[in-house]
Every structure is written in C-alpha cells, then in structure tokens.
C-alpha atoms as a PDB file:
ATOM      1  CA  MET A   1     127.699  98.688 109.887  1.00  0.00           C
ATOM      2  CA  ARG A   2     128.008  96.852 113.198  1.00  0.00           C
ATOM      3  CA  ARG A   3     126.504  99.826 114.970  1.00  0.00           C
ATOM      4  CA  PHE A   4     123.413  99.729 112.751  1.00  0.00           C
ATOM      5  CA  ARG A   5     123.005  96.000 113.344  1.00  0.00           C
ATOM      6  CA  ALA A   6     123.220  96.491 117.097  1.00  0.00           C
ATOM      7  CA  VAL A   7     120.628  99.255 116.986  1.00  0.00           C
ATOM      8  CA  GLY A   8     118.393  97.130 114.749  1.00  0.00           C
ATOM      9  CA  VAL A   9     118.663  94.103 117.033  1.00  0.00           C
ATOM     10  CA  ALA A  10     117.961  96.256 120.100  1.00  0.00           C
ATOM     11  CA  ALA A  11     114.898  97.756 118.434  1.00  0.00           C
ATOM     12  CA  LEU A  12     113.660  94.309 117.440  1.00  0.00           C
ATOM     13  CA  LEU A  13     114.104  92.987 120.967  1.00  0.00           C
ATOM     14  CA  ALA A  14     112.311  95.998 122.443  1.00  0.00           C
ATOM     15  CA  ALA A  15     109.416  95.596 120.018  1.00  0.00           C
ATOM     16  CA  THR A  16     108.984  91.912 120.804  1.00  0.00           C
ATOM     17  CA  ALA A  17     109.235  92.505 124.556  1.00  0.00           C
ATOM     18  CA  VAL A  18     106.187  94.799 124.532  1.00  0.00           C
ATOM     19  CA  PRO A  19     102.991  92.738 124.624  1.00  0.00           C
ATOM     20  CA  ALA A  20     100.619  93.233 121.754  1.00  0.00           C
ATOM     21  CA  LEU A  21      97.929  95.791 122.445  1.00  0.00           C
ATOM     22  CA  ALA A  22      94.792  93.916 123.331  1.00  0.00           C
ATOM     23  CA  VAL A  23      91.587  94.954 121.644  1.00  0.00           C
ATOM     24  CA  GLU A  24      89.072  96.098 124.214  1.00  0.00           C
ATOM     25  CA  ARG A  25      85.884  94.072 124.003  1.00  0.00           C
ATOM     26  CA  ALA A  26      82.583  95.871 124.337  1.00  0.00           C
ATOM     27  CA  GLN A  27      80.271  94.981 127.183  1.00  0.00           C
ATOM     28  CA  HIS A  28      77.289  95.172 124.829  1.00  0.00           C
ATOM     29  CA  THR A  29      76.705  94.711 121.118  1.00  0.00           C
ATOM     30  CA  VAL A  30      75.100  97.166 118.696  1.00  0.00           C
ATOM     31  CA  ASP A  31      71.934  95.054 118.686  1.00  0.00           C
ATOM     32  CA  TRP A  32      71.792  95.125 122.487  1.00  0.00           C
ATOM     33  CA  TYR A  33      72.059  98.920 122.510  1.00  0.00           C
ATOM     34  CA  ARG A  34      69.338  99.098 119.846  1.00  0.00           C
ATOM     35  CA  THR A  35      66.928  97.238 122.102  1.00  0.00           C
ATOM     36  CA  HIS A  36      67.935  99.066 125.315  1.00  0.00           C
ATOM     37  CA  PRO A  37      67.419 102.775 124.572  1.00  0.00           C
ATOM     38  CA  GLN A  38      67.886 104.012 128.159  1.00  0.00           C
ATOM     39  CA  GLU A  39      71.239 102.295 128.506  1.00  0.00           C
ATOM     40  CA  ARG A  40      72.212 103.514 125.021  1.00  0.00           C
ATOM     41  CA  GLU A  41      71.405 107.122 126.000  1.00  0.00           C
ATOM     42  CA  SER A  42      73.391 106.743 129.221  1.00  0.00           C
ATOM     43  CA  ALA A  43      76.405 105.366 127.345  1.00  0.00           C
ATOM     44  CA  LEU A  44      76.181 108.121 124.724  1.00  0.00           C
ATOM     45  CA  LYS A  45      76.119 110.830 127.408  1.00  0.00           C
ATOM     46  CA  ALA A  46      79.151 109.325 129.137  1.00  0.00           C
ATOM     47  CA  CYS A  47      81.022 108.979 125.849  1.00  0.00           C
ATOM     48  CA  GLN A  48      80.218 112.528 124.729  1.00  0.00           C
ATOM     49  CA  ASN A  49      81.211 113.935 128.118  1.00  0.00           C
ATOM     50  CA  ASP A  50      84.723 112.407 128.051  1.00  0.00           C
ATOM     51  CA  HIS A  51      86.545 112.116 124.739  1.00  0.00           C
ATOM     52  CA  SER A  52      89.093 109.732 126.200  1.00  0.00           C
ATOM     53  CA  PHE A  53      86.384 107.152 125.430  1.00  0.00           C
ATOM     54  CA  ASP A  54      86.172 108.102 121.728  1.00  0.00           C
ATOM     55  CA  ASN A  55      87.638 104.788 120.618  1.00  0.00           C
ATOM     56  CA  ALA A  56      86.023 102.658 123.305  1.00  0.00           C
ATOM     57  CA  ALA A  57      84.153  99.705 121.849  1.00  0.00           C
ATOM     58  CA  ASP A  58      81.005 100.415 123.867  1.00  0.00           C
ATOM     59  CA  CYS A  59      80.953 104.040 122.704  1.00  0.00           C
ATOM     60  CA  ARG A  60      81.228 102.943 119.091  1.00  0.00           C
ATOM     61  CA  ASN A  61      78.517 100.308 119.560  1.00  0.00           C
ATOM     62  CA  ALA A  62      76.167 102.771 121.287  1.00  0.00           C
ATOM     63  CA  THR A  63      76.755 105.351 118.545  1.00  0.00           C
ATOM     64  CA  SER A  64      76.101 102.780 115.819  1.00  0.00           C
ATOM     65  CA  ALA A  65      72.929 101.717 117.606  1.00  0.00           C
ATOM     66  CA  ALA A  66      71.817 105.351 117.864  1.00  0.00           C
ATOM     67  CA  HIS A  67      72.338 105.804 114.126  1.00  0.00           C
ATOM     68  CA  ALA A  68      70.411 102.599 113.452  1.00  0.00           C
ATOM     69  CA  ALA A  69      67.598 103.756 115.735  1.00  0.00           C
ATOM     70  CA  VAL A  70      67.414 107.026 113.818  1.00  0.00           C
ATOM     71  CA  ALA A  71      67.301 105.128 110.541  1.00  0.00           C
ATOM     72  CA  ASP A  72      64.538 102.908 111.962  1.00  0.00           C
ATOM     73  CA  SER A  73      62.587 105.959 113.089  1.00  0.00           C
ATOM     74  CA  ILE A  74      62.549 107.676 109.722  1.00  0.00           C
ATOM     75  CA  SER A  75      59.099 107.115 108.380  1.00  0.00           C
ATOM     76  CA  PRO A  76      58.502 105.779 104.883  1.00  0.00           C
ATOM     77  CA  THR A  77      56.987 109.153 103.998  1.00  0.00           C
ATOM     78  CA  THR A  78      60.240 110.973 104.809  1.00  0.00           C
ATOM     79  CA  ASP A  79      61.996 112.264 101.742  1.00  0.00           C
ATOM     80  CA  LYS A  80      64.693 109.617 101.294  1.00  0.00           C
ATOM     81  CA  ALA A  81      66.415 111.811  98.708  1.00  0.00           C
ATOM     82  CA  ASP A  82      67.267 114.433 101.383  1.00  0.00           C
ATOM     83  CA  PRO A  83      67.691 112.743 104.782  1.00  0.00           C
ATOM     84  CA  GLU A  84      69.876 115.629 106.029  1.00  0.00           C
ATOM     85  CA  ALA A  85      66.703 117.754 106.163  1.00  0.00           C
ATOM     86  CA  ASP A  86      65.370 115.573 109.009  1.00  0.00           C
ATOM     87  CA  PRO A  87      66.668 116.373 112.540  1.00  0.00           C
ATOM     88  CA  ALA A  88      66.574 112.646 113.329  1.00  0.00           C
ATOM     89  CA  TYR A  89      69.302 112.134 110.730  1.00  0.00           C
ATOM     90  CA  TYR A  90      71.811 113.855 113.022  1.00  0.00           C
ATOM     91  CA  GLY A  91      70.788 111.892 116.110  1.00  0.00           C
ATOM     92  CA  HIS A  92      73.527 112.207 118.744  1.00  0.00           C
ATOM     93  CA  ASP A  93      76.322 112.855 116.284  1.00  0.00           C
ATOM     94  CA  GLY A  94      77.755 116.079 117.703  1.00  0.00           C
ATOM     95  CA  PRO A  95      80.588 116.319 115.148  1.00  0.00           C
ATOM     96  CA  MET A  96      78.125 115.883 112.266  1.00  0.00           C
ATOM     97  CA  ILE A  97      75.883 118.613 113.676  1.00  0.00           C
ATOM     98  CA  ALA A  98      78.882 120.922 114.172  1.00  0.00           C
ATOM     99  CA  MET A  99      80.108 120.291 110.636  1.00  0.00           C
ATOM    100  CA  THR A 100      76.695 120.998 109.141  1.00  0.00           C
ATOM    101  CA  LEU A 101      76.265 124.172 111.191  1.00  0.00           C
ATOM    102  CA  ALA A 102      79.737 125.315 110.111  1.00  0.00           C
ATOM    103  CA  MET A 103      78.717 124.792 106.483  1.00  0.00           C
ATOM    104  CA  CYS A 104      75.529 126.750 107.193  1.00  0.00           C
ATOM    105  CA  SER A 105      77.505 129.671 108.610  1.00  0.00           C
ATOM    106  CA  ARG A 106      79.330 129.909 105.281  1.00  0.00           C
ATOM    107  CA  ASN A 107      76.125 129.483 103.249  1.00  0.00           C
ATOM    108  CA  ARG A 108      77.414 126.154 101.938  1.00  0.00           C
ATOM    109  CA  ALA A 109      74.439 124.000 102.965  1.00  0.00           C
ATOM    110  CA  PRO A 110      70.773 124.015 101.992  1.00  0.00           C
ATOM    111  CA  PRO A 111      68.500 125.869 104.445  1.00  0.00           C
ATOM    112  CA  SER A 112      66.602 122.647 105.191  1.00  0.00           C
ATOM    113  CA  TRP A 113      69.833 121.015 106.447  1.00  0.00           C
ATOM    114  CA  CYS A 114      70.650 124.052 108.588  1.00  0.00           C
ATOM    115  CA  GLU A 115      67.243 124.026 110.249  1.00  0.00           C
ATOM    116  CA  ALA A 116      67.443 120.264 110.880  1.00  0.00           C
ATOM    117  CA  ALA A 117      70.960 120.573 112.357  1.00  0.00           C
ATOM    118  CA  ARG A 118      69.855 123.450 114.611  1.00  0.00           C
ATOM    119  CA  ILE A 119      66.941 121.368 115.914  1.00  0.00           C
ATOM    120  CA  ALA A 120      69.226 118.358 116.476  1.00  0.00           C
ATOM    121  CA  ALA A 121      71.711 120.576 118.363  1.00  0.00           C
ATOM    122  CA  ALA A 122      68.930 121.908 120.571  1.00  0.00           C
ATOM    123  CA  ASN A 123      67.733 118.343 121.226  1.00  0.00           C
ATOM    124  CA  MET A 124      71.232 117.297 122.331  1.00  0.00           C
ATOM    125  CA  ARG A 125      71.348 120.094 124.925  1.00  0.00           C
ATOM    126  CA  ARG A 126      68.208 118.792 126.646  1.00  0.00           C
END
C-alpha cells in the first residue's frame, strides 16, 4: 500500500510541476480573415502545405472564414436543398473533397455532388 501511495504522490507532483499548456492565440479573427481574402488564401495555403499547423488557431480561423465566404457567395438562386452540388460548397476543404470523391468512386454519392467535388478539387490545384 505504501508503494502505491509513493507512486501516486510522485505522479501528482510531476503533474503539478508541468505548466499548463497555454492555448495559442490567433493573430487574426475569423471576421478579419473574411474581410482580407488575400491573407486568408495565403494562410490557407500555408496550413494545407504543413499539417503540423492543423490545430493552429490561425488555420482554424482562416478555414472558418473561407467557409463563411463560400456561404456568402452562394446566390439566393442556388438550390439550398442541395448545397453539395455547388463547387463553392467545398471551398478549400481538402478532406471534404476527398471524402466526397471517395464516396463517388463507390457510387455512394449523387452525380451532382461528384461533379461539384471534382471542380472544387481542380480549383484547389490552381
């Protein structure tokens, strides 16, 4: 029993000796990235090129702003019932495009989604 207490106390001391992980603050907010499209595109390219930034606050803010910009760009005449049929829906979301194309390869997605995802993938390569 003493041995378990000693191990428990040592673990507790080690845990309290390590400083709490600080949350990285973003340099820019989602709204800032929405109003600065060139900087947003630059941040998105950097984030997509190096996945060590996947959880970086600026990458998340730029991605959220890109999604918001896509939502803003969808015209009122766009079929709101099927947004996945619009290439703008996919924006710069590489994993979403890959997932949709994988579904398409197994004939598990509507043809309109597949075409939109293919266009969005081609737009990302530019």
